[in-house]
Structure formats: C-alpha cells, structure tokens
N, C-alpha and C. Protein backbone atom coordinates (compact mmCIF):
# COMPACT_ATOMS: atom_id res chain seq x y z
N MET A 1 52.70 73.96 121.86
CA MET A 1 53.87 74.03 121.73
C MET A 1 54.82 74.53 120.43
N THR A 2 55.38 75.49 120.81
CA THR A 2 56.19 75.96 119.62
C THR A 2 57.74 74.66 119.25
N THR A 3 57.85 74.41 117.95
CA THR A 3 58.98 73.36 118.03
C THR A 3 60.05 74.39 117.89
N GLN A 4 61.34 74.32 118.42
CA GLN A 4 62.66 74.83 117.95
C GLN A 4 63.40 74.54 116.45
N PRO A 5 63.95 75.46 116.00
CA PRO A 5 64.34 75.11 115.02
C PRO A 5 65.86 74.11 115.15
N SER A 6 65.53 73.49 114.11
CA SER A 6 67.15 72.45 114.06
C SER A 6 68.30 72.88 114.18
N ILE A 7 69.62 72.94 114.46
CA ILE A 7 70.58 73.46 114.49
C ILE A 7 70.82 73.19 112.58
N GLU A 8 70.87 72.55 112.01
CA GLU A 8 71.11 72.52 110.24
C GLU A 8 70.13 74.16 110.15
N SER A 9 69.01 74.01 110.16
CA SER A 9 68.28 75.13 109.49
C SER A 9 68.85 76.51 110.22
N LEU A 10 69.22 76.46 111.25
CA LEU A 10 70.16 77.98 111.67
C LEU A 10 71.31 78.31 111.02
N LEU A 11 72.21 76.91 110.72
CA LEU A 11 72.90 77.20 109.98
C LEU A 11 73.15 77.54 108.63
N GLU A 12 72.07 77.30 107.97
CA GLU A 12 71.43 77.86 106.36
C GLU A 12 70.91 79.29 106.36
N ILE A 13 70.41 79.25 107.80
CA ILE A 13 69.92 81.30 107.68
C ILE A 13 71.31 81.90 108.00
N ILE A 14 72.27 81.25 108.82
CA ILE A 14 73.50 81.71 108.99
C ILE A 14 74.45 82.23 107.67
N ALA A 15 74.25 81.28 107.19
CA ALA A 15 75.37 81.37 105.75
C ALA A 15 74.47 82.02 104.69
N LYS A 16 73.63 81.96 104.29
CA LYS A 16 72.81 82.94 103.91
C LYS A 16 72.35 84.69 103.94
N GLN A 17 72.89 84.82 105.61
CA GLN A 17 73.25 85.91 105.87
C GLN A 17 74.18 86.76 105.59
N ALA A 18 75.23 85.81 105.66
CA ALA A 18 76.62 85.93 105.38
C ALA A 18 76.56 86.39 103.73
N VAL A 19 76.30 85.68 102.89
CA VAL A 19 76.38 85.69 101.71
C VAL A 19 75.74 87.10 101.75
N GLN A 20 74.25 87.42 102.02
CA GLN A 20 73.88 88.80 101.55
C GLN A 20 74.45 89.52 102.40
N ILE A 21 75.36 89.81 103.75
CA ILE A 21 76.32 91.01 104.52
C ILE A 21 77.11 91.27 103.29
N GLU A 22 77.75 90.50 102.57
CA GLU A 22 79.15 90.53 101.65
C GLU A 22 78.72 91.17 100.52
N GLN A 23 77.45 90.92 100.25
CA GLN A 23 77.04 91.44 98.95
C GLN A 23 76.62 93.29 99.58
N LEU A 24 76.00 93.61 100.03
CA LEU A 24 75.83 94.50 100.95
C LEU A 24 76.94 95.51 101.01
N LEU A 25 77.98 95.15 101.56
CA LEU A 25 79.19 95.31 101.52
C LEU A 25 79.70 96.22 100.21
N LYS A 26 79.76 94.72 99.58
CA LYS A 26 79.91 95.47 98.05
C LYS A 26 79.49 96.78 97.62
N ARG A 27 78.34 96.51 97.60
CA ARG A 27 76.99 97.85 97.24
C ARG A 27 77.38 98.99 97.86
N VAL A 28 77.94 99.10 98.98
CA VAL A 28 77.86 100.14 100.14
C VAL A 28 78.99 101.01 99.63
N GLU A 29 80.10 99.79 99.30
CA GLU A 29 81.56 100.49 98.47
C GLU A 29 81.43 101.00 97.41
N GLN A 30 80.82 100.53 96.44
CA GLN A 30 80.32 101.15 95.41
C GLN A 30 79.55 102.48 95.46
N LEU A 31 78.51 102.34 95.82
CA LEU A 31 78.14 103.67 96.19
C LEU A 31 78.63 105.04 96.65
N GLU A 32 79.99 104.74 97.85
CA GLU A 32 80.68 105.24 98.12
C GLU A 32 81.50 106.42 97.06
N LEU A 33 82.27 105.42 96.49
CA LEU A 33 82.78 105.63 95.12
C LEU A 33 82.28 106.38 94.41
N GLU A 34 80.72 106.39 94.41
CA GLU A 34 79.99 107.56 92.93
C GLU A 34 79.77 108.84 93.98
N LEU A 35 79.70 108.20 95.38
CA LEU A 35 79.11 109.45 95.98
C LEU A 35 80.21 110.42 95.91
N ALA A 36 82.32 109.72 96.17
CA ALA A 36 83.11 110.68 96.23
C ALA A 36 82.87 111.42 94.96
N VAL A 37 83.08 111.03 93.50
CA VAL A 37 82.64 111.48 92.49
C VAL A 37 82.06 112.74 92.55
N TYR A 38 80.59 112.63 92.76
CA TYR A 38 79.80 114.03 93.08
C TYR A 38 80.28 115.05 94.32
N LYS A 39 81.13 114.54 94.96
CA LYS A 39 81.22 115.30 96.02
C LYS A 39 82.07 116.37 95.68
N SER A 40 83.67 116.52 94.47
CA SER A 40 84.44 116.84 94.17
C SER A 40 84.40 117.68 92.97
N LYS A 41 82.93 118.12 92.63
CA LYS A 41 82.45 118.25 91.15
C LYS A 41 82.37 120.24 91.24
N LYS A 42 82.76 120.56 92.36
CA LYS A 42 82.84 121.96 92.63
C LYS A 42 83.96 122.67 91.54
N ASN A 43 83.15 124.00 91.00
CA ASN A 43 83.71 124.72 90.19
C ASN A 43 83.11 125.89 90.10
N SER A 44 84.05 126.95 89.43
CA SER A 44 83.74 128.25 89.28
C SER A 44 82.42 128.59 89.15
N THR A 45 81.36 127.70 88.21
CA THR A 45 80.45 127.70 87.58
C THR A 45 79.39 127.43 88.37
N ASN A 46 79.16 126.49 89.45
CA ASN A 46 78.73 126.05 90.26
C ASN A 46 79.02 126.07 92.05
N ASN A 47 79.87 127.12 92.32
CA ASN A 47 80.19 127.24 93.64
C ASN A 47 81.14 128.28 93.68
N HIS A 48 81.11 129.22 95.21
CA HIS A 48 81.77 130.47 94.41
C HIS A 48 83.06 130.50 94.61
N ILE A 49 84.17 129.17 94.05
CA ILE A 49 85.21 129.00 94.40
C ILE A 49 85.85 129.87 93.08
N ALA A 50 86.76 130.54 93.21
CA ALA A 50 87.63 131.49 92.03
C ALA A 50 87.69 130.78 90.37
N PRO A 51 87.48 131.30 89.47
CA PRO A 51 88.32 130.51 88.73
C PRO A 51 89.66 130.11 88.31
N SER A 52 90.25 130.66 89.28
CA SER A 52 91.80 130.21 89.01
C SER A 52 91.90 128.84 90.33
N LYS A 53 91.17 128.69 90.72
CA LYS A 53 90.70 127.29 91.32
C LYS A 53 89.89 126.51 90.59
N ASP A 54 90.00 126.17 89.82
CA ASP A 54 89.27 124.98 88.94
C ASP A 54 90.39 124.09 88.75
N GLU A 55 89.59 123.03 89.19
CA GLU A 55 90.54 121.81 88.93
C GLU A 55 91.40 121.36 87.28
N ASN A 56 90.37 121.97 86.57
CA ASN A 56 90.63 120.89 85.09
C ASN A 56 90.83 122.41 84.24
N ARG A 57 91.35 123.69 84.79
CA ARG A 57 91.50 124.37 83.99
C ARG A 57 93.20 124.49 83.34
N ILE A 58 93.61 124.82 82.00
CA ILE A 58 94.98 125.00 82.04
C ILE A 58 95.74 126.09 82.82
N LYS A 59 97.01 125.58 83.53
CA LYS A 59 97.44 126.37 84.71
C LYS A 59 98.57 127.47 83.30
N THR A 60 98.80 128.96 84.14
CA THR A 60 99.08 129.50 83.14
C THR A 60 101.14 128.82 83.26
N ASN A 61 101.33 128.27 83.66
CA ASN A 61 102.62 128.12 83.70
C ASN A 61 102.67 126.96 83.05
N GLN A 62 101.98 126.39 82.27
CA GLN A 62 101.89 125.27 81.09
C GLN A 62 102.08 125.50 79.83
N SER A 63 102.72 125.59 78.94
CA SER A 63 102.89 126.00 77.87
C SER A 63 102.21 124.83 76.69
N LEU A 64 101.52 125.60 75.96
CA LEU A 64 100.84 124.35 75.00
C LEU A 64 101.48 124.05 73.95
N ARG A 65 103.11 124.81 73.52
CA ARG A 65 103.37 124.06 72.64
C ARG A 65 104.34 123.23 72.88
N GLU A 66 104.26 122.63 71.54
CA GLU A 66 105.14 120.88 72.06
C GLU A 66 106.36 121.06 72.43
N LYS A 67 107.35 120.21 72.65
CA LYS A 67 108.80 120.35 73.25
C LYS A 67 109.35 120.08 71.96
N THR A 68 110.28 120.50 71.54
CA THR A 68 110.93 120.49 70.20
C THR A 68 112.05 119.45 70.91
N GLY A 69 113.04 119.16 71.88
CA GLY A 69 113.56 119.00 72.19
C GLY A 69 115.45 119.42 71.84
N GLU A 70 114.86 120.89 71.52
CA GLU A 70 116.35 121.49 71.06
C GLU A 70 117.13 122.47 72.67
N LYS A 71 117.97 122.89 72.63
CA LYS A 71 118.37 123.59 73.64
C LYS A 71 118.04 125.25 73.54
N THR A 72 117.28 125.74 74.20
CA THR A 72 117.26 127.00 74.23
C THR A 72 118.57 127.80 74.10
N SER A 73 118.43 128.64 73.77
CA SER A 73 119.89 129.68 73.24
C SER A 73 119.18 130.81 72.65
N ARG A 74 120.30 132.29 72.83
CA ARG A 74 119.87 133.01 71.57
C ARG A 74 120.13 132.77 70.27
N SER A 75 120.00 133.88 69.21
CA SER A 75 119.87 133.46 68.18
C SER A 75 121.03 133.15 67.30
N THR A 76 121.13 132.20 66.18
CA THR A 76 122.32 131.91 66.08
C THR A 76 122.78 133.03 65.05
N GLY A 77 124.30 133.38 64.75
CA GLY A 77 124.59 134.41 64.24
C GLY A 77 125.36 135.91 64.98
N THR A 78 124.73 135.68 66.18
CA THR A 78 124.96 136.76 67.50
C THR A 78 126.61 136.74 67.85
N SER A 79 127.13 137.56 67.83
CA SER A 79 128.76 137.49 68.42
C SER A 79 128.21 137.72 70.53
N GLY A 80 127.35 137.99 70.80
CA GLY A 80 127.04 138.19 72.06
C GLY A 80 128.29 139.66 72.51
N LYS A 81 128.50 140.48 71.03
CA LYS A 81 129.43 141.71 71.53
C LYS A 81 128.90 143.01 72.60
N ASN A 82 127.51 142.66 72.28
CA ASN A 82 126.61 144.04 73.64
C ASN A 82 126.73 143.52 74.82
N VAL A 83 126.67 142.17 74.79
CA VAL A 83 126.92 141.81 76.47
C VAL A 83 127.26 142.54 77.55
N GLY A 84 128.32 142.74 77.49
CA GLY A 84 129.20 143.62 78.83
C GLY A 84 128.79 145.23 78.99
N PHE A 85 128.16 145.58 77.51
CA PHE A 85 127.41 146.98 77.54
C PHE A 85 126.40 147.13 79.22
N PHE A 86 125.48 146.03 78.65
CA PHE A 86 124.37 146.06 79.65
C PHE A 86 124.76 145.32 80.81
N ILE A 87 125.50 144.85 80.97
CA ILE A 87 126.29 144.34 82.58
C ILE A 87 126.77 145.47 82.64
N ARG A 88 127.40 146.47 82.75
CA ARG A 88 127.78 148.17 83.15
C ARG A 88 126.66 148.76 83.38
N TYR A 89 125.80 148.75 82.88
CA TYR A 89 124.81 149.78 83.05
C TYR A 89 124.07 149.42 84.19
C-alpha cells in the first residue's frame, strides 16, 4: 500500500516550485534581451543592406564641426551693394 504525501510536504514542494519558476522567468527575460541585441546587428558588411542604411554611420547632414554659438552671416565689412544686381537678374 502506498502512502499519500502530507499536506505540509505538498506545500513545501509548491513553494520550491514557485521559487524555481520565478528564477526561470528572470533567466528567460535576460536571454530575450541578449537575443534582441544580436538580431539587430545587420549592416552593410554582413548583409545585403545598403551602406546608407547602416545604423552607426555618420549622417551626411550632420556636421562634424563644433558649434561656435555665433550667428551665421556674411563677411564683416561688406556693404551688400551688389544684392540688388543679383535679384534683378
């Protein structure tokens, strides 16, 4: 005749399983984050994507020069007397 486990021993097993499930869920979350990093690493060197679509390339409309904070304008000392000539043409 087989003996049935007591309620206390079953509750202990359930508590251990709950802890184990929580640990496994955390591990799955970590692995999914790692996988997401590797999935998005396609670029022009390892795929058929054009070089202009690379994520980490320098954009052509982004200047590498540092901003001076000065307002952009024409050269100092010019009177602007020829502006009318170009507008009429």
